[in-house]
Every structure is written in structure tokens, then in C-alpha cells.
Amino acid sequence: MPRAFPEEFRRDVVAVVRKGEAPITQIAKDFGISPAALHRWMKIADREDGAASGAVSDDAAKLREANKRIRLLEQEAEVMRRAVAYLSRDINPKK
């Protein structure tokens, strides 16, 4: 089970990372935490500070919905093209 670090420790480590004086992996090693945990802490800190606002996730959701709608419309257009080709084969038979 992962160790629980105090909130103050997390804030201090995030502050060190934000200074940008060393790579994240080195900072994680120096403080005895995993780089993945440090990345997670950075995301949480950014969210709390407003750098990664909920608008970003809202935009991502809208983009996913738009892409889903585009795929559906492309499938419908393909069905229509095939239907037209099938129904018009009797009208314009190829010789």
C-alpha cells in the first residue's frame, strides 16, 4: 500500500518541481517518491490552482461528442451511397 505523505510535504515537492531546476524524475528520486506519484501531485496542484480548469475537460467532452456525431454521419452517408448505387443499378445498367 502506498505511503501517505502529509499535504505540506506534497506542496513543498510541487513547489520544487515548479522552480524547474531539475528533472521531475530526479526530484522524485531525491524525495523518495515515485515519478508517477509526483506527476499525479502536479496534476492535482494545477487543478487546485486553476491552471487546468474544468473548462478543459468540458471542451474535451464536447470534442468527443462531436467526433462521435461525425462518425455516425459518415456511416449514414456511406449507407446512403450504397443504397443509391444498389437502386440505380437497374436504371443505368452497365454494359
N, C-alpha and C. Protein backbone atom coordinates (compact mmCIF):
# COMPACT_ATOMS: atom_id res chain seq x y z
N MET A 1 0.85 -1.17 0.00
CA MET A 1 0.00 0.00 0.00
C MET A 1 0.90 1.24 0.00
N PRO A 2 0.55 2.26 -0.81
CA PRO A 2 1.39 3.45 -0.86
C PRO A 2 1.37 4.21 0.46
N ARG A 3 2.51 4.84 0.72
CA ARG A 3 2.59 5.64 1.94
C ARG A 3 1.82 6.93 1.74
N ALA A 4 1.21 7.40 2.80
CA ALA A 4 0.51 8.68 2.77
C ALA A 4 1.48 9.77 3.17
N PHE A 5 1.63 10.75 2.31
CA PHE A 5 2.52 11.87 2.61
C PHE A 5 1.69 13.05 3.09
N PRO A 6 2.21 13.80 4.04
CA PRO A 6 1.46 14.97 4.53
C PRO A 6 1.26 16.00 3.41
N GLU A 7 0.18 16.73 3.50
CA GLU A 7 -0.15 17.73 2.49
C GLU A 7 0.95 18.79 2.35
N GLU A 8 1.53 19.18 3.46
CA GLU A 8 2.59 20.19 3.42
C GLU A 8 3.80 19.67 2.64
N PHE A 9 4.14 18.39 2.83
CA PHE A 9 5.24 17.78 2.09
C PHE A 9 4.94 17.81 0.59
N ARG A 10 3.72 17.46 0.23
CA ARG A 10 3.33 17.47 -1.18
C ARG A 10 3.46 18.85 -1.78
N ARG A 11 2.97 19.86 -1.05
CA ARG A 11 3.06 21.23 -1.56
C ARG A 11 4.51 21.65 -1.74
N ASP A 12 5.38 21.27 -0.80
CA ASP A 12 6.80 21.62 -0.90
C ASP A 12 7.45 20.97 -2.12
N VAL A 13 7.13 19.70 -2.35
CA VAL A 13 7.71 19.00 -3.50
C VAL A 13 7.20 19.62 -4.80
N VAL A 14 5.92 19.93 -4.87
CA VAL A 14 5.37 20.57 -6.07
C VAL A 14 6.04 21.92 -6.31
N ALA A 15 6.30 22.66 -5.25
CA ALA A 15 6.97 23.95 -5.39
C ALA A 15 8.38 23.77 -5.95
N VAL A 16 9.07 22.73 -5.52
CA VAL A 16 10.42 22.46 -6.03
C VAL A 16 10.35 22.12 -7.52
N VAL A 17 9.36 21.34 -7.91
CA VAL A 17 9.22 20.97 -9.33
C VAL A 17 8.92 22.21 -10.15
N ARG A 18 8.08 23.08 -9.65
CA ARG A 18 7.70 24.28 -10.41
C ARG A 18 8.86 25.25 -10.59
N LYS A 19 9.86 25.18 -9.72
CA LYS A 19 11.05 26.01 -9.92
C LYS A 19 11.77 25.61 -11.19
N GLY A 20 11.69 24.33 -11.56
CA GLY A 20 12.28 23.86 -12.81
C GLY A 20 13.78 23.73 -12.78
N GLU A 21 14.37 23.55 -11.63
CA GLU A 21 15.82 23.46 -11.53
C GLU A 21 16.35 22.06 -11.81
N ALA A 22 15.47 21.05 -11.80
CA ALA A 22 15.91 19.67 -12.04
C ALA A 22 14.75 18.90 -12.69
N PRO A 23 15.07 17.80 -13.35
CA PRO A 23 14.00 16.99 -13.95
C PRO A 23 13.10 16.37 -12.88
N ILE A 24 11.87 16.12 -13.26
CA ILE A 24 10.90 15.57 -12.32
C ILE A 24 11.37 14.23 -11.77
N THR A 25 11.95 13.40 -12.63
CA THR A 25 12.40 12.08 -12.16
C THR A 25 13.48 12.22 -11.09
N GLN A 26 14.36 13.18 -11.25
CA GLN A 26 15.43 13.39 -10.26
C GLN A 26 14.84 13.91 -8.95
N ILE A 27 13.91 14.82 -9.05
CA ILE A 27 13.28 15.37 -7.84
C ILE A 27 12.54 14.26 -7.10
N ALA A 28 11.82 13.42 -7.85
CA ALA A 28 11.10 12.31 -7.22
C ALA A 28 12.07 11.38 -6.51
N LYS A 29 13.18 11.10 -7.14
CA LYS A 29 14.19 10.21 -6.55
C LYS A 29 14.77 10.85 -5.28
N ASP A 30 15.05 12.14 -5.34
CA ASP A 30 15.62 12.84 -4.19
C ASP A 30 14.68 12.82 -2.98
N PHE A 31 13.39 12.94 -3.23
CA PHE A 31 12.42 12.96 -2.14
C PHE A 31 11.90 11.58 -1.77
N GLY A 32 12.31 10.56 -2.51
CA GLY A 32 11.91 9.20 -2.18
C GLY A 32 10.48 8.85 -2.56
N ILE A 33 10.01 9.44 -3.65
CA ILE A 33 8.67 9.12 -4.14
C ILE A 33 8.78 8.66 -5.58
N SER A 34 7.72 8.07 -6.10
CA SER A 34 7.76 7.62 -7.49
C SER A 34 7.46 8.79 -8.42
N PRO A 35 8.04 8.76 -9.62
CA PRO A 35 7.74 9.83 -10.59
C PRO A 35 6.25 9.90 -10.94
N ALA A 36 5.59 8.75 -10.97
CA ALA A 36 4.15 8.74 -11.27
C ALA A 36 3.36 9.47 -10.19
N ALA A 37 3.74 9.26 -8.94
CA ALA A 37 3.06 9.95 -7.84
C ALA A 37 3.29 11.45 -7.95
N LEU A 38 4.51 11.83 -8.31
CA LEU A 38 4.82 13.26 -8.44
C LEU A 38 4.02 13.88 -9.59
N HIS A 39 3.89 13.17 -10.69
CA HIS A 39 3.08 13.68 -11.80
C HIS A 39 1.63 13.85 -11.36
N ARG A 40 1.13 12.90 -10.60
CA ARG A 40 -0.24 12.98 -10.10
C ARG A 40 -0.39 14.19 -9.17
N TRP A 41 0.59 14.40 -8.31
CA TRP A 41 0.55 15.55 -7.41
C TRP A 41 0.55 16.85 -8.21
N MET A 42 1.33 16.88 -9.29
CA MET A 42 1.39 18.09 -10.12
C MET A 42 0.02 18.36 -10.77
N LYS A 43 -0.64 17.31 -11.26
CA LYS A 43 -1.96 17.49 -11.86
C LYS A 43 -2.95 18.01 -10.84
N ILE A 44 -2.90 17.44 -9.65
CA ILE A 44 -3.81 17.87 -8.59
C ILE A 44 -3.54 19.33 -8.23
N ALA A 45 -2.27 19.68 -8.10
CA ALA A 45 -1.91 21.06 -7.74
C ALA A 45 -2.33 22.02 -8.84
N ASP A 46 -2.15 21.64 -10.10
CA ASP A 46 -2.56 22.51 -11.21
C ASP A 46 -4.07 22.71 -11.19
N ARG A 47 -4.80 21.64 -10.93
CA ARG A 47 -6.25 21.73 -10.88
C ARG A 47 -6.68 22.65 -9.75
N GLU A 48 -6.04 22.50 -8.58
CA GLU A 48 -6.40 23.33 -7.43
C GLU A 48 -6.04 24.79 -7.65
N ASP A 49 -4.95 25.03 -8.39
CA ASP A 49 -4.52 26.40 -8.65
C ASP A 49 -5.26 27.04 -9.82
N GLY A 50 -6.06 26.25 -10.51
CA GLY A 50 -6.84 26.79 -11.61
C GLY A 50 -6.12 26.75 -12.94
N ALA A 51 -4.91 26.20 -13.00
CA ALA A 51 -4.17 26.14 -14.26
C ALA A 51 -4.84 25.18 -15.23
N ALA A 52 -5.35 24.09 -14.73
CA ALA A 52 -6.08 23.13 -15.56
C ALA A 52 -7.52 23.14 -15.11
N SER A 53 -8.27 24.09 -15.61
CA SER A 53 -9.63 24.27 -15.14
C SER A 53 -10.56 23.21 -15.69
N GLY A 54 -11.76 23.18 -15.18
CA GLY A 54 -12.77 22.24 -15.63
C GLY A 54 -13.19 22.51 -17.07
N ALA A 55 -12.91 23.71 -17.57
CA ALA A 55 -13.26 24.04 -18.95
C ALA A 55 -12.52 23.14 -19.92
N VAL A 56 -11.32 22.76 -19.57
CA VAL A 56 -10.54 21.88 -20.45
C VAL A 56 -11.22 20.53 -20.57
N SER A 57 -11.65 19.97 -19.46
CA SER A 57 -12.33 18.68 -19.52
C SER A 57 -13.69 18.83 -20.20
N ASP A 58 -14.33 19.98 -20.05
CA ASP A 58 -15.60 20.24 -20.71
C ASP A 58 -15.39 20.31 -22.22
N ASP A 59 -14.33 20.96 -22.65
CA ASP A 59 -14.01 21.04 -24.07
C ASP A 59 -13.68 19.66 -24.63
N ALA A 60 -12.98 18.86 -23.86
CA ALA A 60 -12.64 17.51 -24.30
C ALA A 60 -13.90 16.67 -24.46
N ALA A 61 -14.85 16.83 -23.55
CA ALA A 61 -16.11 16.09 -23.66
C ALA A 61 -16.89 16.53 -24.90
N LYS A 62 -16.90 17.83 -25.17
CA LYS A 62 -17.59 18.33 -26.36
C LYS A 62 -16.92 17.80 -27.63
N LEU A 63 -15.60 17.74 -27.62
CA LEU A 63 -14.87 17.23 -28.77
C LEU A 63 -15.17 15.76 -29.00
N ARG A 64 -15.22 14.97 -27.92
CA ARG A 64 -15.56 13.56 -28.05
C ARG A 64 -16.95 13.39 -28.64
N GLU A 65 -17.91 14.17 -28.16
CA GLU A 65 -19.27 14.10 -28.66
C GLU A 65 -19.33 14.49 -30.14
N ALA A 66 -18.60 15.53 -30.52
CA ALA A 66 -18.57 15.96 -31.91
C ALA A 66 -17.96 14.88 -32.80
N ASN A 67 -16.88 14.25 -32.35
CA ASN A 67 -16.26 13.19 -33.13
C ASN A 67 -17.19 11.99 -33.27
N LYS A 68 -17.93 11.69 -32.21
CA LYS A 68 -18.89 10.58 -32.26
C LYS A 68 -19.98 10.90 -33.29
N ARG A 69 -20.46 12.13 -33.28
CA ARG A 69 -21.50 12.56 -34.23
C ARG A 69 -20.98 12.51 -35.66
N ILE A 70 -19.74 12.92 -35.88
CA ILE A 70 -19.14 12.88 -37.21
C ILE A 70 -19.06 11.45 -37.73
N ARG A 71 -18.62 10.52 -36.87
CA ARG A 71 -18.55 9.11 -37.28
C ARG A 71 -19.93 8.58 -37.66
N LEU A 72 -20.94 8.93 -36.87
CA LEU A 72 -22.30 8.49 -37.16
C LEU A 72 -22.77 9.04 -38.50
N LEU A 73 -22.53 10.32 -38.75
CA LEU A 73 -22.94 10.93 -40.02
C LEU A 73 -22.20 10.33 -41.20
N GLU A 74 -20.92 10.01 -41.02
CA GLU A 74 -20.16 9.38 -42.09
C GLU A 74 -20.71 7.99 -42.39
N GLN A 75 -21.10 7.25 -41.36
CA GLN A 75 -21.70 5.93 -41.58
C GLN A 75 -23.03 6.05 -42.31
N GLU A 76 -23.83 7.03 -41.92
CA GLU A 76 -25.12 7.23 -42.59
C GLU A 76 -24.92 7.61 -44.05
N ALA A 77 -23.94 8.46 -44.33
CA ALA A 77 -23.66 8.85 -45.72
C ALA A 77 -23.22 7.65 -46.54
N GLU A 78 -22.41 6.77 -45.95
CA GLU A 78 -21.97 5.57 -46.65
C GLU A 78 -23.14 4.65 -46.96
N VAL A 79 -24.06 4.49 -46.02
CA VAL A 79 -25.25 3.68 -46.25
C VAL A 79 -26.06 4.27 -47.40
N MET A 80 -26.21 5.57 -47.41
CA MET A 80 -26.97 6.23 -48.48
C MET A 80 -26.29 6.05 -49.83
N ARG A 81 -24.98 6.18 -49.89
CA ARG A 81 -24.25 5.97 -51.15
C ARG A 81 -24.47 4.56 -51.66
N ARG A 82 -24.39 3.58 -50.78
CA ARG A 82 -24.59 2.19 -51.18
C ARG A 82 -26.03 1.94 -51.63
N ALA A 83 -26.98 2.55 -50.94
CA ALA A 83 -28.38 2.40 -51.32
C ALA A 83 -28.63 2.99 -52.70
N VAL A 84 -28.08 4.15 -52.96
CA VAL A 84 -28.25 4.79 -54.27
C VAL A 84 -27.62 3.92 -55.34
N ALA A 85 -26.44 3.40 -55.10
CA ALA A 85 -25.77 2.55 -56.08
C ALA A 85 -26.59 1.29 -56.33
N TYR A 86 -27.15 0.70 -55.29
CA TYR A 86 -27.94 -0.52 -55.43
C TYR A 86 -29.23 -0.24 -56.21
N LEU A 87 -29.92 0.83 -55.87
CA LEU A 87 -31.19 1.12 -56.51
C LEU A 87 -31.03 1.65 -57.93
N SER A 88 -29.91 2.28 -58.23
CA SER A 88 -29.71 2.84 -59.56
C SER A 88 -29.10 1.84 -60.53
N ARG A 89 -28.76 0.66 -60.09
CA ARG A 89 -28.16 -0.33 -61.00
C ARG A 89 -29.15 -0.77 -62.07
N ASP A 90 -30.45 -0.76 -61.75
CA ASP A 90 -31.45 -1.14 -62.73
C ASP A 90 -31.75 0.01 -63.69
N ILE A 91 -31.57 1.23 -63.25
CA ILE A 91 -31.87 2.39 -64.08
C ILE A 91 -30.76 2.59 -65.12
N ASN A 92 -29.53 2.49 -64.72
CA ASN A 92 -28.37 2.69 -65.59
C ASN A 92 -27.54 1.41 -65.62
N PRO A 93 -27.99 0.36 -66.27
CA PRO A 93 -27.21 -0.86 -66.28
C PRO A 93 -25.91 -0.67 -67.05
N LYS A 94 -24.86 -1.23 -66.54
CA LYS A 94 -23.56 -1.16 -67.23
C LYS A 94 -23.54 -2.27 -68.26
N LYS A 95 -22.98 -1.97 -69.41
CA LYS A 95 -22.96 -2.95 -70.50
C LYS A 95 -21.72 -3.76 -70.52
